[in-house]
């Protein structure tokens, strides 16, 4: 019910101290750097990488949670985008595993954790992480919306190219005949582009101070590990 008292003024929105915001950002970056560095060293040098692989789902959840935390406005539109992207990503992978039509013939291993319909639930989280980061990073380019969608989709595929050799090596998933088909990258680009067009047409705040750091960290982690393990 609206106030009738002319002297009433609504409480001011809380002002976030820029120094406190920077401290939060540095803390989040430090936590992620610790997790990814530990994982890199464990997978690269450990005689028993299975110990470190059991933390892969936790690492993905931590990454998603911190990205979500640094989203400026978590309104209903953003929540709907998050849920929709994760569900679509999961269902696309279910279709891919079951038919081989989208990405080629592959099966998921045990590393990504619990499966439903032969597909890890965490893969939906992964699709959201990559889609969201691509959308945020594309905002740095002054270009039309569709060009930004193309760029964001390319950023997603570029990261997938780095992920593939590591994923195959550590039982994230396995390709038929142990060959990563070019169809996988075409399918990835097509799905990524659809999700990016959807993201661009969804009116949530496309800004996140942590996203560039996370993208670079994931890129270095998978590219470096893939190069080191050759």
C-alpha atoms as a PDB file:
ATOM      1  CA  UNK A   1       0.000   0.000   0.000  1.00  0.00           C
ATOM      2  CA  UNK A   2       1.552   3.394  -0.959  1.00  0.00           C
ATOM      3  CA  UNK A   3       2.550   5.844   1.745  1.00  0.00           C
ATOM      4  CA  UNK A   4       0.408   9.017   2.022  1.00  0.00           C
ATOM      5  CA  UNK A   5       2.779  10.853   4.346  1.00  0.00           C
ATOM      6  CA  UNK A   6       4.415  13.584   2.202  1.00  0.00           C
ATOM      7  CA  UNK A   7       7.474  13.529   4.455  1.00  0.00           C
ATOM      8  CA  UNK A   8       8.106   9.832   3.768  1.00  0.00           C
ATOM      9  CA  UNK A   9      11.033   8.926   1.560  1.00  0.00           C
ATOM     10  CA  UNK A  10      11.890   5.337   0.642  1.00  0.00           C
ATOM     11  CA  UNK A  11      15.134   3.935   1.990  1.00  0.00           C
ATOM     12  CA  UNK A  12      18.085   4.578  -0.264  1.00  0.00           C
ATOM     13  CA  UNK A  13      19.569   1.667  -2.132  1.00  0.00           C
ATOM     14  CA  UNK A  14      22.667   0.366  -0.390  1.00  0.00           C
ATOM     15  CA  UNK A  15      25.873   1.783  -1.794  1.00  0.00           C
ATOM     16  CA  UNK A  16      28.515  -0.815  -2.469  1.00  0.00           C
ATOM     17  CA  UNK A  17      31.988   0.333  -1.494  1.00  0.00           C
ATOM     18  CA  UNK A  18      34.247   0.034  -4.586  1.00  0.00           C
ATOM     19  CA  UNK A  19      37.128  -1.112  -2.378  1.00  0.00           C
ATOM     20  CA  UNK A  20      34.957  -3.866  -0.876  1.00  0.00           C
ATOM     21  CA  UNK A  21      33.877  -4.885  -4.374  1.00  0.00           C
ATOM     22  CA  UNK A  22      37.495  -5.165  -5.469  1.00  0.00           C
ATOM     23  CA  UNK A  23      38.336  -7.247  -2.386  1.00  0.00           C
ATOM     24  CA  UNK A  24      35.481  -9.628  -3.160  1.00  0.00           C
ATOM     25  CA  UNK A  25      36.683  -9.928  -6.743  1.00  0.00           C
ATOM     26  CA  UNK A  26      40.290 -10.619  -5.702  1.00  0.00           C
ATOM     27  CA  UNK A  27      39.102 -13.205  -3.181  1.00  0.00           C
ATOM     28  CA  UNK A  28      36.998 -15.007  -5.791  1.00  0.00           C
ATOM     29  CA  UNK A  29      39.874 -14.926  -8.282  1.00  0.00           C
ATOM     30  CA  UNK A  30      42.247 -16.288  -5.641  1.00  0.00           C
ATOM     31  CA  UNK A  31      39.916 -19.171  -4.736  1.00  0.00           C
ATOM     32  CA  UNK A  32      39.458 -20.147  -8.375  1.00  0.00           C
ATOM     33  CA  UNK A  33      43.170 -19.825  -9.083  1.00  0.00           C
ATOM     34  CA  UNK A  34      43.897 -22.134  -6.142  1.00  0.00           C
ATOM     35  CA  UNK A  35      41.421 -24.760  -7.349  1.00  0.00           C
ATOM     36  CA  UNK A  36      42.516 -24.692 -10.987  1.00  0.00           C
ATOM     37  CA  UNK A  37      46.224 -24.647 -10.155  1.00  0.00           C
ATOM     38  CA  UNK A  38      45.822 -27.578  -7.768  1.00  0.00           C
ATOM     39  CA  UNK A  39      43.886 -29.466 -10.418  1.00  0.00           C
ATOM     40  CA  UNK A  40      46.467 -28.699 -13.082  1.00  0.00           C
ATOM     41  CA  UNK A  41      49.389 -29.869 -10.936  1.00  0.00           C
ATOM     42  CA  UNK A  42      47.502 -32.947  -9.776  1.00  0.00           C
ATOM     43  CA  UNK A  43      46.482 -34.055 -13.256  1.00  0.00           C
ATOM     44  CA  UNK A  44      49.839 -33.218 -14.798  1.00  0.00           C
ATOM     45  CA  UNK A  45      52.159 -34.723 -12.196  1.00  0.00           C
ATOM     46  CA  UNK A  46      50.211 -37.119  -9.951  1.00  0.00           C
ATOM     47  CA  UNK A  47      50.682 -40.853 -10.298  1.00  0.00           C
ATOM     48  CA  UNK A  48      47.006 -41.247  -9.388  1.00  0.00           C
ATOM     49  CA  UNK A  49      44.964 -38.492 -11.100  1.00  0.00           C
ATOM     50  CA  UNK A  50      41.709 -40.181 -10.025  1.00  0.00           C
ATOM     51  CA  UNK A  51      41.976 -38.409  -6.669  1.00  0.00           C
ATOM     52  CA  UNK A  52      41.853 -35.009  -8.387  1.00  0.00           C
ATOM     53  CA  UNK A  53      39.266 -36.040 -10.978  1.00  0.00           C
ATOM     54  CA  UNK A  54      36.668 -36.672  -8.278  1.00  0.00           C
ATOM     55  CA  UNK A  55      36.656 -32.914  -7.619  1.00  0.00           C
ATOM     56  CA  UNK A  56      35.801 -31.937 -11.222  1.00  0.00           C
ATOM     57  CA  UNK A  57      32.022 -31.596 -10.551  1.00  0.00           C
ATOM     58  CA  UNK A  58      32.768 -29.547  -7.422  1.00  0.00           C
ATOM     59  CA  UNK A  59      35.098 -27.292  -9.414  1.00  0.00           C
ATOM     60  CA  UNK A  60      32.403 -26.709 -12.035  1.00  0.00           C
ATOM     61  CA  UNK A  61      29.820 -25.931  -9.351  1.00  0.00           C
ATOM     62  CA  UNK A  62      32.216 -23.525  -7.632  1.00  0.00           C
ATOM     63  CA  UNK A  63      32.917 -21.749 -10.934  1.00  0.00           C
ATOM     64  CA  UNK A  64      29.195 -21.464 -11.696  1.00  0.00           C
ATOM     65  CA  UNK A  65      28.359 -20.262  -8.172  1.00  0.00           C
ATOM     66  CA  UNK A  66      30.979 -17.515  -8.228  1.00  0.00           C
ATOM     67  CA  UNK A  67      29.959 -16.338 -11.696  1.00  0.00           C
ATOM     68  CA  UNK A  68      26.354 -16.277 -10.520  1.00  0.00           C
ATOM     69  CA  UNK A  69      27.347 -14.329  -7.386  1.00  0.00           C
ATOM     70  CA  UNK A  70      29.041 -11.610  -9.462  1.00  0.00           C
ATOM     71  CA  UNK A  71      26.032 -11.082 -11.730  1.00  0.00           C
ATOM     72  CA  UNK A  72      24.946  -7.501 -10.892  1.00  0.00           C
ATOM     73  CA  UNK A  73      21.158  -8.029 -11.019  1.00  0.00           C
ATOM     74  CA  UNK A  74      19.749 -11.489 -10.388  1.00  0.00           C
ATOM     75  CA  UNK A  75      16.204 -10.753 -11.454  1.00  0.00           C
ATOM     76  CA  UNK A  76      13.633 -13.192 -12.762  1.00  0.00           C
ATOM     77  CA  UNK A  77      14.786 -12.750 -16.355  1.00  0.00           C
ATOM     78  CA  UNK A  78      18.339 -13.743 -15.468  1.00  0.00           C
ATOM     79  CA  UNK A  79      17.161 -16.725 -13.400  1.00  0.00           C
ATOM     80  CA  UNK A  80      15.011 -17.869 -16.325  1.00  0.00           C
ATOM     81  CA  UNK A  81      17.973 -17.491 -18.700  1.00  0.00           C
ATOM     82  CA  UNK A  82      20.181 -19.541 -16.346  1.00  0.00           C
ATOM     83  CA  UNK A  83      17.678 -22.370 -15.958  1.00  0.00           C
ATOM     84  CA  UNK A  84      16.740 -22.429 -19.650  1.00  0.00           C
ATOM     85  CA  UNK A  85      20.347 -22.512 -20.843  1.00  0.00           C
ATOM     86  CA  UNK A  86      21.293 -25.311 -18.444  1.00  0.00           C
ATOM     87  CA  UNK A  87      18.248 -27.406 -19.404  1.00  0.00           C
ATOM     88  CA  UNK A  88      18.712 -26.853 -23.141  1.00  0.00           C
ATOM     89  CA  UNK A  89      22.417 -27.703 -22.863  1.00  0.00           C
ATOM     90  CA  UNK A  90      21.619 -30.897 -20.978  1.00  0.00           C
ATOM     91  CA  UNK A  91      18.874 -31.975 -23.420  1.00  0.00           C
ATOM     92  CA  UNK A  92      21.097 -31.255 -26.416  1.00  0.00           C
ATOM     93  CA  UNK A  93      23.722 -33.573 -24.920  1.00  0.00           C
ATOM     94  CA  UNK A  94      21.100 -36.254 -24.251  1.00  0.00           C
ATOM     95  CA  UNK A  95      20.112 -36.057 -27.919  1.00  0.00           C
ATOM     96  CA  UNK A  96      23.777 -36.130 -28.921  1.00  0.00           C
ATOM     97  CA  UNK A  97      24.569 -39.206 -26.855  1.00  0.00           C
ATOM     98  CA  UNK A  98      21.441 -41.060 -27.914  1.00  0.00           C
ATOM     99  CA  UNK A  99      21.574 -40.353 -31.654  1.00  0.00           C
ATOM    100  CA  UNK A 100      25.080 -39.205 -32.599  1.00  0.00           C
ATOM    101  CA  UNK A 101      23.464 -36.709 -34.969  1.00  0.00           C
ATOM    102  CA  UNK A 102      24.620 -33.445 -33.429  1.00  0.00           C
ATOM    103  CA  UNK A 103      28.218 -33.955 -32.379  1.00  0.00           C
ATOM    104  CA  UNK A 104      29.150 -37.449 -33.544  1.00  0.00           C
ATOM    105  CA  UNK A 105      29.125 -40.733 -31.657  1.00  0.00           C
ATOM    106  CA  UNK A 106      30.346 -40.460 -28.066  1.00  0.00           C
ATOM    107  CA  UNK A 107      29.624 -41.658 -24.548  1.00  0.00           C
ATOM    108  CA  UNK A 108      30.169 -40.019 -21.186  1.00  0.00           C
ATOM    109  CA  UNK A 109      32.585 -41.425 -18.623  1.00  0.00           C
ATOM    110  CA  UNK A 110      32.440 -41.166 -14.853  1.00  0.00           C
ATOM    111  CA  UNK A 111      34.406 -37.936 -14.312  1.00  0.00           C
ATOM    112  CA  UNK A 112      31.518 -35.462 -14.593  1.00  0.00           C
ATOM    113  CA  UNK A 113      29.469 -37.273 -11.972  1.00  0.00           C
ATOM    114  CA  UNK A 114      25.827 -38.345 -11.763  1.00  0.00           C
ATOM    115  CA  UNK A 115      24.080 -39.168 -15.020  1.00  0.00           C
ATOM    116  CA  UNK A 116      20.481 -39.081 -16.166  1.00  0.00           C
ATOM    117  CA  UNK A 117      19.705 -40.639 -19.553  1.00  0.00           C
ATOM    118  CA  UNK A 118      23.421 -41.490 -19.885  1.00  0.00           C
ATOM    119  CA  UNK A 119      24.283 -37.779 -19.605  1.00  0.00           C
ATOM    120  CA  UNK A 120      25.918 -36.040 -16.615  1.00  0.00           C
ATOM    121  CA  UNK A 121      23.762 -33.397 -14.979  1.00  0.00           C
ATOM    122  CA  UNK A 122      26.864 -31.203 -14.715  1.00  0.00           C
ATOM    123  CA  UNK A 123      27.046 -30.829 -18.487  1.00  0.00           C
ATOM    124  CA  UNK A 124      24.046 -28.504 -18.316  1.00  0.00           C
ATOM    125  CA  UNK A 125      25.927 -26.361 -15.793  1.00  0.00           C
ATOM    126  CA  UNK A 126      28.899 -26.340 -18.153  1.00  0.00           C
ATOM    127  CA  UNK A 127      26.742 -25.128 -21.048  1.00  0.00           C
ATOM    128  CA  UNK A 128      25.431 -22.289 -18.870  1.00  0.00           C
ATOM    129  CA  UNK A 129      28.946 -21.280 -17.776  1.00  0.00           C
ATOM    130  CA  UNK A 130      30.238 -21.116 -21.346  1.00  0.00           C
ATOM    131  CA  UNK A 131      27.129 -19.429 -22.766  1.00  0.00           C
ATOM    132  CA  UNK A 132      27.045 -16.822 -20.010  1.00  0.00           C
ATOM    133  CA  UNK A 133      30.760 -16.028 -20.279  1.00  0.00           C
ATOM    134  CA  UNK A 134      30.529 -15.767 -24.059  1.00  0.00           C
ATOM    135  CA  UNK A 135      27.610 -13.349 -23.770  1.00  0.00           C
ATOM    136  CA  UNK A 136      29.392 -11.161 -21.218  1.00  0.00           C
ATOM    137  CA  UNK A 137      32.695 -11.102 -23.124  1.00  0.00           C
ATOM    138  CA  UNK A 138      30.979 -10.199 -26.403  1.00  0.00           C
ATOM    139  CA  UNK A 139      29.693  -7.004 -24.740  1.00  0.00           C
ATOM    140  CA  UNK A 140      33.237  -5.622 -24.879  1.00  0.00           C
ATOM    141  CA  UNK A 141      32.952  -5.423 -28.681  1.00  0.00           C
ATOM    142  CA  UNK A 142      31.008  -2.460 -30.158  1.00  0.00           C
ATOM    143  CA  UNK A 143      29.171  -4.432 -32.824  1.00  0.00           C
ATOM    144  CA  UNK A 144      25.625  -5.386 -33.892  1.00  0.00           C
ATOM    145  CA  UNK A 145      23.882  -8.037 -31.806  1.00  0.00           C
ATOM    146  CA  UNK A 146      24.262 -10.855 -34.347  1.00  0.00           C
ATOM    147  CA  UNK A 147      27.991 -10.176 -34.749  1.00  0.00           C
ATOM    148  CA  UNK A 148      28.312 -10.362 -30.971  1.00  0.00           C
ATOM    149  CA  UNK A 149      26.417 -13.660 -31.006  1.00  0.00           C
ATOM    150  CA  UNK A 150      28.807 -15.023 -33.647  1.00  0.00           C
ATOM    151  CA  UNK A 151      31.827 -13.888 -31.656  1.00  0.00           C
ATOM    152  CA  UNK A 152      30.475 -15.388 -28.432  1.00  0.00           C
ATOM    153  CA  UNK A 153      29.760 -18.698 -30.184  1.00  0.00           C
ATOM    154  CA  UNK A 154      33.329 -18.727 -31.529  1.00  0.00           C
ATOM    155  CA  UNK A 155      34.662 -18.095 -28.019  1.00  0.00           C
ATOM    156  CA  UNK A 156      32.677 -21.117 -26.814  1.00  0.00           C
ATOM    157  CA  UNK A 157      33.966 -23.344 -29.614  1.00  0.00           C
ATOM    158  CA  UNK A 158      37.528 -22.120 -29.060  1.00  0.00           C
ATOM    159  CA  UNK A 159      37.361 -23.206 -25.440  1.00  0.00           C
ATOM    160  CA  UNK A 160      35.815 -26.545 -26.445  1.00  0.00           C
ATOM    161  CA  UNK A 161      38.747 -27.170 -28.799  1.00  0.00           C
ATOM    162  CA  UNK A 162      41.088 -26.803 -25.808  1.00  0.00           C
ATOM    163  CA  UNK A 163      38.874 -28.949 -23.560  1.00  0.00           C
ATOM    164  CA  UNK A 164      38.536 -31.914 -25.929  1.00  0.00           C
ATOM    165  CA  UNK A 165      42.030 -33.509 -25.621  1.00  0.00           C
ATOM    166  CA  UNK A 166      41.947 -33.237 -21.823  1.00  0.00           C
ATOM    167  CA  UNK A 167      38.378 -34.527 -21.597  1.00  0.00           C
ATOM    168  CA  UNK A 168      39.188 -37.596 -23.662  1.00  0.00           C
ATOM    169  CA  UNK A 169      42.343 -38.288 -21.677  1.00  0.00           C
ATOM    170  CA  UNK A 170      40.590 -38.129 -18.298  1.00  0.00           C
ATOM    171  CA  UNK A 171      37.307 -39.915 -19.030  1.00  0.00           C
ATOM    172  CA  UNK A 172      35.001 -36.910 -19.251  1.00  0.00           C
ATOM    173  CA  UNK A 173      33.704 -38.529 -22.451  1.00  0.00           C
ATOM    174  CA  UNK A 174      34.910 -40.926 -25.139  1.00  0.00           C
ATOM    175  CA  UNK A 175      34.585 -40.723 -28.920  1.00  0.00           C
ATOM    176  CA  UNK A 176      33.952 -43.667 -31.162  1.00  0.00           C
ATOM    177  CA  UNK A 177      37.245 -44.900 -32.675  1.00  0.00           C
ATOM    178  CA  UNK A 178      39.008 -42.412 -30.324  1.00  0.00           C
ATOM    179  CA  UNK A 179      38.772 -39.701 -32.987  1.00  0.00           C
ATOM    180  CA  UNK A 180      37.293 -36.264 -32.275  1.00  0.00           C
ATOM    181  CA  UNK A 181      35.089 -35.609 -35.336  1.00  0.00           C
ATOM    182  CA  UNK A 182      34.895 -32.205 -36.995  1.00  0.00           C
ATOM    183  CA  UNK A 183      31.130 -32.643 -36.723  1.00  0.00           C
ATOM    184  CA  UNK A 184      31.514 -32.026 -32.995  1.00  0.00           C
ATOM    185  CA  UNK A 185      32.770 -28.491 -33.524  1.00  0.00           C
ATOM    186  CA  UNK A 186      30.142 -27.730 -36.177  1.00  0.00           C
ATOM    187  CA  UNK A 187      27.418 -28.959 -33.849  1.00  0.00           C
ATOM    188  CA  UNK A 188      28.882 -27.017 -30.942  1.00  0.00           C
ATOM    189  CA  UNK A 189      28.959 -23.826 -32.999  1.00  0.00           C
ATOM    190  CA  UNK A 190      25.347 -24.270 -34.147  1.00  0.00           C
ATOM    191  CA  UNK A 191      24.009 -24.863 -30.626  1.00  0.00           C
ATOM    192  CA  UNK A 192      26.218 -22.113 -29.168  1.00  0.00           C
ATOM    193  CA  UNK A 193      24.985 -19.617 -31.758  1.00  0.00           C
ATOM    194  CA  UNK A 194      21.328 -20.427 -31.016  1.00  0.00           C
ATOM    195  CA  UNK A 195      21.946 -19.946 -27.292  1.00  0.00           C
ATOM    196  CA  UNK A 196      23.790 -16.683 -27.930  1.00  0.00           C
ATOM    197  CA  UNK A 197      20.971 -15.293 -30.055  1.00  0.00           C
ATOM    198  CA  UNK A 198      18.597 -16.238 -27.248  1.00  0.00           C
ATOM    199  CA  UNK A 199      20.880 -14.564 -24.687  1.00  0.00           C
ATOM    200  CA  UNK A 200      21.118 -11.371 -26.743  1.00  0.00           C
ATOM    201  CA  UNK A 201      17.334 -11.157 -26.953  1.00  0.00           C
ATOM    202  CA  UNK A 202      16.969 -11.667 -23.211  1.00  0.00           C
ATOM    203  CA  UNK A 203      17.044  -8.445 -21.215  1.00  0.00           C
ATOM    204  CA  UNK A 204      19.291  -9.206 -18.265  1.00  0.00           C
ATOM    205  CA  UNK A 205      22.400  -7.246 -17.246  1.00  0.00           C
ATOM    206  CA  UNK A 206      25.198  -8.637 -19.403  1.00  0.00           C
ATOM    207  CA  UNK A 207      28.087  -7.602 -17.210  1.00  0.00           C
ATOM    208  CA  UNK A 208      30.228  -9.644 -14.817  1.00  0.00           C
ATOM    209  CA  UNK A 209      33.594  -8.550 -13.402  1.00  0.00           C
ATOM    210  CA  UNK A 210      34.682 -12.155 -12.850  1.00  0.00           C
ATOM    211  CA  UNK A 211      33.839 -13.572 -16.298  1.00  0.00           C
ATOM    212  CA  UNK A 212      36.992 -12.472 -18.221  1.00  0.00           C
ATOM    213  CA  UNK A 213      39.209 -13.971 -15.515  1.00  0.00           C
ATOM    214  CA  UNK A 214      37.286 -17.273 -15.496  1.00  0.00           C
ATOM    215  CA  UNK A 215      37.412 -17.594 -19.290  1.00  0.00           C
ATOM    216  CA  UNK A 216      41.156 -16.931 -19.367  1.00  0.00           C
ATOM    217  CA  UNK A 217      41.745 -19.310 -16.446  1.00  0.00           C
ATOM    218  CA  UNK A 218      39.807 -22.142 -18.112  1.00  0.00           C
ATOM    219  CA  UNK A 219      41.523 -21.495 -21.443  1.00  0.00           C
ATOM    220  CA  UNK A 220      44.997 -21.636 -19.865  1.00  0.00           C
ATOM    221  CA  UNK A 221      44.086 -24.673 -17.766  1.00  0.00           C
ATOM    222  CA  UNK A 222      42.870 -26.837 -20.643  1.00  0.00           C
ATOM    223  CA  UNK A 223      45.285 -25.550 -23.284  1.00  0.00           C
ATOM    224  CA  UNK A 224      48.236 -25.899 -20.912  1.00  0.00           C
ATOM    225  CA  UNK A 225      47.228 -29.344 -19.696  1.00  0.00           C
ATOM    226  CA  UNK A 226      46.578 -30.566 -23.229  1.00  0.00           C
ATOM    227  CA  UNK A 227      49.961 -29.253 -24.389  1.00  0.00           C
ATOM    228  CA  UNK A 228      51.785 -30.668 -21.355  1.00  0.00           C
ATOM    229  CA  UNK A 229      50.253 -34.139 -21.725  1.00  0.00           C
ATOM    230  CA  UNK A 230      51.077 -34.551 -25.430  1.00  0.00           C
END
